[in-house]
Amino acid sequence: MKLVIDRFEGKFAVCVQEDHVINIPRYKIPIEAKDGDCIEMENGFFVVRKEETEDKRYKVKKFMDELKKKNK
């Protein structure tokens, strides 16, 4: 199950999986996880997928840069 952490609200990580929003207790999420990180269940534990997270962040930044160029 691949998810993206949208935000943290109280004791929960609000995660998105395609069209679904899933609240996961914060204690089940790795302590180093932050907003925007891609996580996945592995052997019963959630792990941060650093390469996938970096790739998604790069694509978003590139998209935002292109939008800024068009609006000049």
PDB file of N, CA and C in Angstrom:
ATOM      1  N   MET A   1       0.840  -1.163   0.000  1.00  0.00           N
ATOM      2  CA  MET A   1       0.000   0.000   0.000  1.00  0.00           C
ATOM      3  C   MET A   1       0.894   1.238   0.000  1.00  0.00           C
ATOM      4  N   LYS A   2       0.879   2.000  -1.087  1.00  0.00           N
ATOM      5  CA  LYS A   2       1.671   3.225  -1.199  1.00  0.00           C
ATOM      6  C   LYS A   2       0.785   4.417  -0.871  1.00  0.00           C
ATOM      7  N   LEU A   3       1.308   5.301  -0.023  1.00  0.00           N
ATOM      8  CA  LEU A   3       0.578   6.479   0.421  1.00  0.00           C
ATOM      9  C   LEU A   3       1.487   7.694   0.387  1.00  0.00           C
ATOM     10  N   VAL A   4       0.873   8.874   0.385  1.00  0.00           N
ATOM     11  CA  VAL A   4       1.615  10.126   0.523  1.00  0.00           C
ATOM     12  C   VAL A   4       1.058  10.830   1.753  1.00  0.00           C
ATOM     13  N   ILE A   5       1.948  11.272   2.635  1.00  0.00           N
ATOM     14  CA  ILE A   5       1.509  11.998   3.823  1.00  0.00           C
ATOM     15  C   ILE A   5       1.119  13.409   3.398  1.00  0.00           C
ATOM     16  N   ASP A   6      -0.139  13.735   3.583  1.00  0.00           N
ATOM     17  CA  ASP A   6      -0.631  15.070   3.243  1.00  0.00           C
ATOM     18  C   ASP A   6      -0.328  16.049   4.373  1.00  0.00           C
ATOM     19  N   ARG A   7      -0.597  15.610   5.598  1.00  0.00           N
ATOM     20  CA  ARG A   7      -0.381  16.475   6.762  1.00  0.00           C
ATOM     21  C   ARG A   7      -0.517  15.641   8.032  1.00  0.00           C
ATOM     22  N   PHE A   8      -0.167  16.264   9.141  1.00  0.00           N
ATOM     23  CA  PHE A   8      -0.360  15.650  10.447  1.00  0.00           C
ATOM     24  C   PHE A   8      -1.422  16.451  11.184  1.00  0.00           C
ATOM     25  N   GLU A   9      -2.377  15.742  11.766  1.00  0.00           N
ATOM     26  CA  GLU A   9      -3.429  16.373  12.564  1.00  0.00           C
ATOM     27  C   GLU A   9      -3.508  15.647  13.893  1.00  0.00           C
ATOM     28  N   GLY A  10      -3.039  16.301  14.933  1.00  0.00           N
ATOM     29  CA  GLY A  10      -3.068  15.679  16.254  1.00  0.00           C
ATOM     30  C   GLY A  10      -2.276  14.391  16.272  1.00  0.00           C
ATOM     31  N   LYS A  11      -2.931  13.308  16.613  1.00  0.00           N
ATOM     32  CA  LYS A  11      -2.262  12.008  16.733  1.00  0.00           C
ATOM     33  C   LYS A  11      -2.317  11.189  15.441  1.00  0.00           C
ATOM     34  N   PHE A  12      -2.697  11.829  14.338  1.00  0.00           N
ATOM     35  CA  PHE A  12      -2.846  11.104  13.077  1.00  0.00           C
ATOM     36  C   PHE A  12      -2.035  11.718  11.946  1.00  0.00           C
ATOM     37  N   ALA A  13      -1.596  10.848  11.049  1.00  0.00           N
ATOM     38  CA  ALA A  13      -1.019  11.270   9.778  1.00  0.00           C
ATOM     39  C   ALA A  13      -2.145  11.123   8.764  1.00  0.00           C
ATOM     40  N   VAL A  14      -2.489  12.220   8.101  1.00  0.00           N
ATOM     41  CA  VAL A  14      -3.533  12.190   7.078  1.00  0.00           C
ATOM     42  C   VAL A  14      -2.830  11.872   5.762  1.00  0.00           C
ATOM     43  N   CYS A  15      -3.132  10.697   5.230  1.00  0.00           N
ATOM     44  CA  CYS A  15      -2.437  10.201   4.039  1.00  0.00           C
ATOM     45  C   CYS A  15      -3.406  10.072   2.874  1.00  0.00           C
ATOM     46  N   VAL A  16      -2.852  10.184   1.672  1.00  0.00           N
ATOM     47  CA  VAL A  16      -3.651  10.095   0.452  1.00  0.00           C
ATOM     48  C   VAL A  16      -3.169   8.900  -0.358  1.00  0.00           C
ATOM     49  N   GLN A  17      -4.132   8.132  -0.829  1.00  0.00           N
ATOM     50  CA  GLN A  17      -3.854   7.018  -1.735  1.00  0.00           C
ATOM     51  C   GLN A  17      -4.820   7.178  -2.902  1.00  0.00           C
ATOM     52  N   GLU A  18      -4.300   7.693  -4.008  1.00  0.00           N
ATOM     53  CA  GLU A  18      -5.113   8.006  -5.182  1.00  0.00           C
ATOM     54  C   GLU A  18      -6.278   8.906  -4.781  1.00  0.00           C
ATOM     55  N   ASP A  19      -7.510   8.392  -4.756  1.00  0.00           N
ATOM     56  CA  ASP A  19      -8.697   9.195  -4.438  1.00  0.00           C
ATOM     57  C   ASP A  19      -9.123   9.087  -2.978  1.00  0.00           C
ATOM     58  N   HIS A  20      -8.402   8.318  -2.180  1.00  0.00           N
ATOM     59  CA  HIS A  20      -8.812   8.052  -0.806  1.00  0.00           C
ATOM     60  C   HIS A  20      -7.937   8.792   0.203  1.00  0.00           C
ATOM     61  N   VAL A  21      -8.575   9.212   1.290  1.00  0.00           N
ATOM     62  CA  VAL A  21      -7.852   9.807   2.410  1.00  0.00           C
ATOM     63  C   VAL A  21      -7.899   8.798   3.550  1.00  0.00           C
ATOM     64  N   ILE A  22      -6.739   8.522   4.126  1.00  0.00           N
ATOM     65  CA  ILE A  22      -6.629   7.529   5.188  1.00  0.00           C
ATOM     66  C   ILE A  22      -5.927   8.163   6.378  1.00  0.00           C
ATOM     67  N   ASN A  23      -6.531   8.049   7.559  1.00  0.00           N
ATOM     68  CA  ASN A  23      -5.913   8.532   8.789  1.00  0.00           C
ATOM     69  C   ASN A  23      -5.179   7.375   9.453  1.00  0.00           C
ATOM     70  N   ILE A  24      -3.893   7.553   9.649  1.00  0.00           N
ATOM     71  CA  ILE A  24      -3.065   6.514  10.262  1.00  0.00           C
ATOM     72  C   ILE A  24      -2.530   7.064  11.576  1.00  0.00           C
ATOM     73  N   PRO A  25      -2.649   6.297  12.662  1.00  0.00           N
ATOM     74  CA  PRO A  25      -2.090   6.767  13.931  1.00  0.00           C
ATOM     75  C   PRO A  25      -0.615   7.140  13.759  1.00  0.00           C
ATOM     76  N   ARG A  26      -0.256   8.285  14.294  1.00  0.00           N
ATOM     77  CA  ARG A  26       1.096   8.819  14.113  1.00  0.00           C
ATOM     78  C   ARG A  26       2.180   7.863  14.616  1.00  0.00           C
ATOM     79  N   TYR A  27       1.881   7.101  15.661  1.00  0.00           N
ATOM     80  CA  TYR A  27       2.886   6.186  16.205  1.00  0.00           C
ATOM     81  C   TYR A  27       3.252   5.065  15.232  1.00  0.00           C
ATOM     82  N   LYS A  28       2.430   4.849  14.212  1.00  0.00           N
ATOM     83  CA  LYS A  28       2.733   3.815  13.220  1.00  0.00           C
ATOM     84  C   LYS A  28       3.603   4.333  12.076  1.00  0.00           C
ATOM     85  N   ILE A  29       3.795   5.648  12.023  1.00  0.00           N
ATOM     86  CA  ILE A  29       4.566   6.293  10.957  1.00  0.00           C
ATOM     87  C   ILE A  29       5.990   6.516  11.459  1.00  0.00           C
ATOM     88  N   PRO A  30       7.002   6.316  10.619  1.00  0.00           N
ATOM     89  CA  PRO A  30       8.387   6.568  11.060  1.00  0.00           C
ATOM     90  C   PRO A  30       8.549   7.989  11.604  1.00  0.00           C
ATOM     91  N   ILE A  31       9.320   8.119  12.650  1.00  0.00           N
ATOM     92  CA  ILE A  31       9.482   9.413  13.326  1.00  0.00           C
ATOM     93  C   ILE A  31      10.054  10.484  12.405  1.00  0.00           C
ATOM     94  N   GLU A  32      10.862  10.088  11.411  1.00  0.00           N
ATOM     95  CA  GLU A  32      11.476  11.068  10.503  1.00  0.00           C
ATOM     96  C   GLU A  32      10.539  11.501   9.377  1.00  0.00           C
ATOM     97  N   ALA A  33       9.371  10.869   9.259  1.00  0.00           N
ATOM     98  CA  ALA A  33       8.435  11.179   8.175  1.00  0.00           C
ATOM     99  C   ALA A  33       7.886  12.594   8.317  1.00  0.00           C
ATOM    100  N   LYS A  34       7.670  13.230   7.162  1.00  0.00           N
ATOM    101  CA  LYS A  34       7.126  14.592   7.162  1.00  0.00           C
ATOM    102  C   LYS A  34       6.126  14.748   6.020  1.00  0.00           C
ATOM    103  N   ASP A  35       5.455  15.895   6.012  1.00  0.00           N
ATOM    104  CA  ASP A  35       4.467  16.173   4.967  1.00  0.00           C
ATOM    105  C   ASP A  35       5.083  15.960   3.585  1.00  0.00           C
ATOM    106  N   GLY A  36       4.340  15.299   2.712  1.00  0.00           N
ATOM    107  CA  GLY A  36       4.800  15.090   1.345  1.00  0.00           C
ATOM    108  C   GLY A  36       5.587  13.817   1.133  1.00  0.00           C
ATOM    109  N   ASP A  37       5.959  13.135   2.210  1.00  0.00           N
ATOM    110  CA  ASP A  37       6.731  11.897   2.063  1.00  0.00           C
ATOM    111  C   ASP A  37       5.863  10.764   1.533  1.00  0.00           C
ATOM    112  N   CYS A  38       6.467   9.935   0.697  1.00  0.00           N
ATOM    113  CA  CYS A  38       5.826   8.718   0.219  1.00  0.00           C
ATOM    114  C   CYS A  38       6.159   7.617   1.220  1.00  0.00           C
ATOM    115  N   ILE A  39       5.143   6.896   1.657  1.00  0.00           N
ATOM    116  CA  ILE A  39       5.367   5.798   2.589  1.00  0.00           C
ATOM    117  C   ILE A  39       4.724   4.538   2.033  1.00  0.00           C
ATOM    118  N   GLU A  40       5.217   3.416   2.525  1.00  0.00           N
ATOM    119  CA  GLU A  40       4.696   2.131   2.063  1.00  0.00           C
ATOM    120  C   GLU A  40       4.807   1.122   3.192  1.00  0.00           C
ATOM    121  N   MET A  41       3.852   0.199   3.241  1.00  0.00           N
ATOM    122  CA  MET A  41       3.868  -0.859   4.235  1.00  0.00           C
ATOM    123  C   MET A  41       4.869  -1.924   3.796  1.00  0.00           C
ATOM    124  N   GLU A  42       5.781  -2.270   4.699  1.00  0.00           N
ATOM    125  CA  GLU A  42       6.787  -3.291   4.413  1.00  0.00           C
ATOM    126  C   GLU A  42       6.976  -4.144   5.661  1.00  0.00           C
ATOM    127  N   ASN A  43       6.678  -5.419   5.547  1.00  0.00           N
ATOM    128  CA  ASN A  43       6.792  -6.350   6.672  1.00  0.00           C
ATOM    129  C   ASN A  43       6.022  -5.870   7.900  1.00  0.00           C
ATOM    130  N   GLY A  44       4.849  -5.292   7.668  1.00  0.00           N
ATOM    131  CA  GLY A  44       3.996  -4.855   8.765  1.00  0.00           C
ATOM    132  C   GLY A  44       4.308  -3.480   9.324  1.00  0.00           C
ATOM    133  N   PHE A  45       5.292  -2.786   8.750  1.00  0.00           N
ATOM    134  CA  PHE A  45       5.673  -1.454   9.219  1.00  0.00           C
ATOM    135  C   PHE A  45       5.674  -0.475   8.051  1.00  0.00           C
ATOM    136  N   PHE A  46       5.348   0.781   8.338  1.00  0.00           N
ATOM    137  CA  PHE A  46       5.445   1.811   7.312  1.00  0.00           C
ATOM    138  C   PHE A  46       6.886   2.291   7.220  1.00  0.00           C
ATOM    139  N   VAL A  47       7.373   2.456   5.993  1.00  0.00           N
ATOM    140  CA  VAL A  47       8.720   2.979   5.752  1.00  0.00           C
ATOM    141  C   VAL A  47       8.616   4.134   4.757  1.00  0.00           C
ATOM    142  N   VAL A  48       9.527   5.093   4.905  1.00  0.00           N
ATOM    143  CA  VAL A  48       9.573   6.229   3.986  1.00  0.00           C
ATOM    144  C   VAL A  48      10.338   5.799   2.744  1.00  0.00           C
ATOM    145  N   ARG A  49       9.759   6.043   1.585  1.00  0.00           N
ATOM    146  CA  ARG A  49      10.410   5.757   0.308  1.00  0.00           C
ATOM    147  C   ARG A  49      11.095   7.040  -0.158  1.00  0.00           C
ATOM    148  N   LYS A  50      12.349   7.203   0.229  1.00  0.00           N
ATOM    149  CA  LYS A  50      13.068   8.458  -0.007  1.00  0.00           C
ATOM    150  C   LYS A  50      13.234   8.774  -1.489  1.00  0.00           C
ATOM    151  N   GLU A  51      13.603   7.791  -2.297  1.00  0.00           N
ATOM    152  CA  GLU A  51      13.802   8.051  -3.731  1.00  0.00           C
ATOM    153  C   GLU A  51      12.498   8.472  -4.397  1.00  0.00           C
ATOM    154  N   GLU A  52      11.424   7.786  -4.059  1.00  0.00           N
ATOM    155  CA  GLU A  52      10.119   8.118  -4.638  1.00  0.00           C
ATOM    156  C   GLU A  52       9.676   9.515  -4.185  1.00  0.00           C
ATOM    157  N   THR A  53       9.929   9.836  -2.911  1.00  0.00           N
ATOM    158  CA  THR A  53       9.591  11.160  -2.383  1.00  0.00           C
ATOM    159  C   THR A  53      10.366  12.241  -3.125  1.00  0.00           C
ATOM    160  N   GLU A  54      11.673  12.048  -3.283  1.00  0.00           N
ATOM    161  CA  GLU A  54      12.506  13.035  -3.978  1.00  0.00           C
ATOM    162  C   GLU A  54      12.058  13.211  -5.420  1.00  0.00           C
ATOM    163  N   ASP A  55      11.704  12.106  -6.082  1.00  0.00           N
ATOM    164  CA  ASP A  55      11.243  12.166  -7.467  1.00  0.00           C
ATOM    165  C   ASP A  55       9.951  12.977  -7.574  1.00  0.00           C
ATOM    166  N   LYS A  56       8.999  12.727  -6.681  1.00  0.00           N
ATOM    167  CA  LYS A  56       7.735  13.470  -6.710  1.00  0.00           C
ATOM    168  C   LYS A  56       7.963  14.948  -6.416  1.00  0.00           C
ATOM    169  N   ARG A  57       8.825  15.253  -5.459  1.00  0.00           N
ATOM    170  CA  ARG A  57       9.110  16.658  -5.132  1.00  0.00           C
ATOM    171  C   ARG A  57       9.762  17.364  -6.319  1.00  0.00           C
ATOM    172  N   TYR A  58      10.660  16.678  -7.007  1.00  0.00           N
ATOM    173  CA  TYR A  58      11.311  17.256  -8.187  1.00  0.00           C
ATOM    174  C   TYR A  58      10.271  17.567  -9.266  1.00  0.00           C
ATOM    175  N   LYS A  59       9.371  16.623  -9.511  1.00  0.00           N
ATOM    176  CA  LYS A  59       8.346  16.819 -10.536  1.00  0.00           C
ATOM    177  C   LYS A  59       7.423  17.981 -10.186  1.00  0.00           C
ATOM    178  N   VAL A  60       7.060  18.107  -8.921  1.00  0.00           N
ATOM    179  CA  VAL A  60       6.198  19.214  -8.498  1.00  0.00           C
ATOM    180  C   VAL A  60       6.929  20.539  -8.668  1.00  0.00           C
ATOM    181  N   LYS A  61       8.197  20.592  -8.266  1.00  0.00           N
ATOM    182  CA  LYS A  61       8.983  21.822  -8.401  1.00  0.00           C
ATOM    183  C   LYS A  61       9.106  22.219  -9.873  1.00  0.00           C
ATOM    184  N   LYS A  62       9.390  21.240 -10.725  1.00  0.00           N
ATOM    185  CA  LYS A  62       9.513  21.502 -12.159  1.00  0.00           C
ATOM    186  C   LYS A  62       8.194  22.042 -12.723  1.00  0.00           C
ATOM    187  N   PHE A  63       7.093  21.443 -12.327  1.00  0.00           N
ATOM    188  CA  PHE A  63       5.771  21.885 -12.769  1.00  0.00           C
ATOM    189  C   PHE A  63       5.500  23.318 -12.306  1.00  0.00           C
ATOM    190  N   MET A  64       5.811  23.611 -11.049  1.00  0.00           N
ATOM    191  CA  MET A  64       5.594  24.961 -10.513  1.00  0.00           C
ATOM    192  C   MET A  64       6.464  25.984 -11.243  1.00  0.00           C
ATOM    193  N   ASP A  65       7.706  25.624 -11.528  1.00  0.00           N
ATOM    194  CA  ASP A  65       8.596  26.523 -12.272  1.00  0.00           C
ATOM    195  C   ASP A  65       8.040  26.825 -13.660  1.00  0.00           C
ATOM    196  N   GLU A  66       7.487  25.801 -14.322  1.00  0.00           N
ATOM    197  CA  GLU A  66       6.894  25.996 -15.646  1.00  0.00           C
ATOM    198  C   GLU A  66       5.678  26.916 -15.573  1.00  0.00           C
ATOM    199  N   LEU A  67       4.868  26.766 -14.533  1.00  0.00           N
ATOM    200  CA  LEU A  67       3.708  27.640 -14.363  1.00  0.00           C
ATOM    201  C   LEU A  67       4.134  29.087 -14.153  1.00  0.00           C
ATOM    202  N   LYS A  68       5.173  29.290 -13.377  1.00  0.00           N
ATOM    203  CA  LYS A  68       5.665  30.645 -13.118  1.00  0.00           C
ATOM    204  C   LYS A  68       6.162  31.296 -14.406  1.00  0.00           C
ATOM    205  N   LYS A  69       6.837  30.517 -15.253  1.00  0.00           N
ATOM    206  CA  LYS A  69       7.331  31.047 -16.529  1.00  0.00           C
ATOM    207  C   LYS A  69       6.174  31.477 -17.424  1.00  0.00           C
ATOM    208  N   LYS A  70       5.095  30.698 -17.431  1.00  0.00           N
ATOM    209  CA  LYS A  70       3.941  31.012 -18.274  1.00  0.00           C
ATOM    210  C   LYS A  70       3.214  32.262 -17.795  1.00  0.00           C
ATOM    211  N   ASN A  71       3.282  32.540 -16.513  1.00  0.00           N
ATOM    212  CA  ASN A  71       2.562  33.688 -15.941  1.00  0.00           C
ATOM    213  C   ASN A  71       3.355  34.981 -15.983  1.00  0.00           C
ATOM    214  N   LYS A  72       4.552  34.975 -16.547  1.00  0.00           N
ATOM    215  CA  LYS A  72       5.363  36.204 -16.619  1.00  0.00           C
ATOM    216  C   LYS A  72       4.944  37.066 -17.766  1.00  0.00           C
TER     217      LYS A  72
END
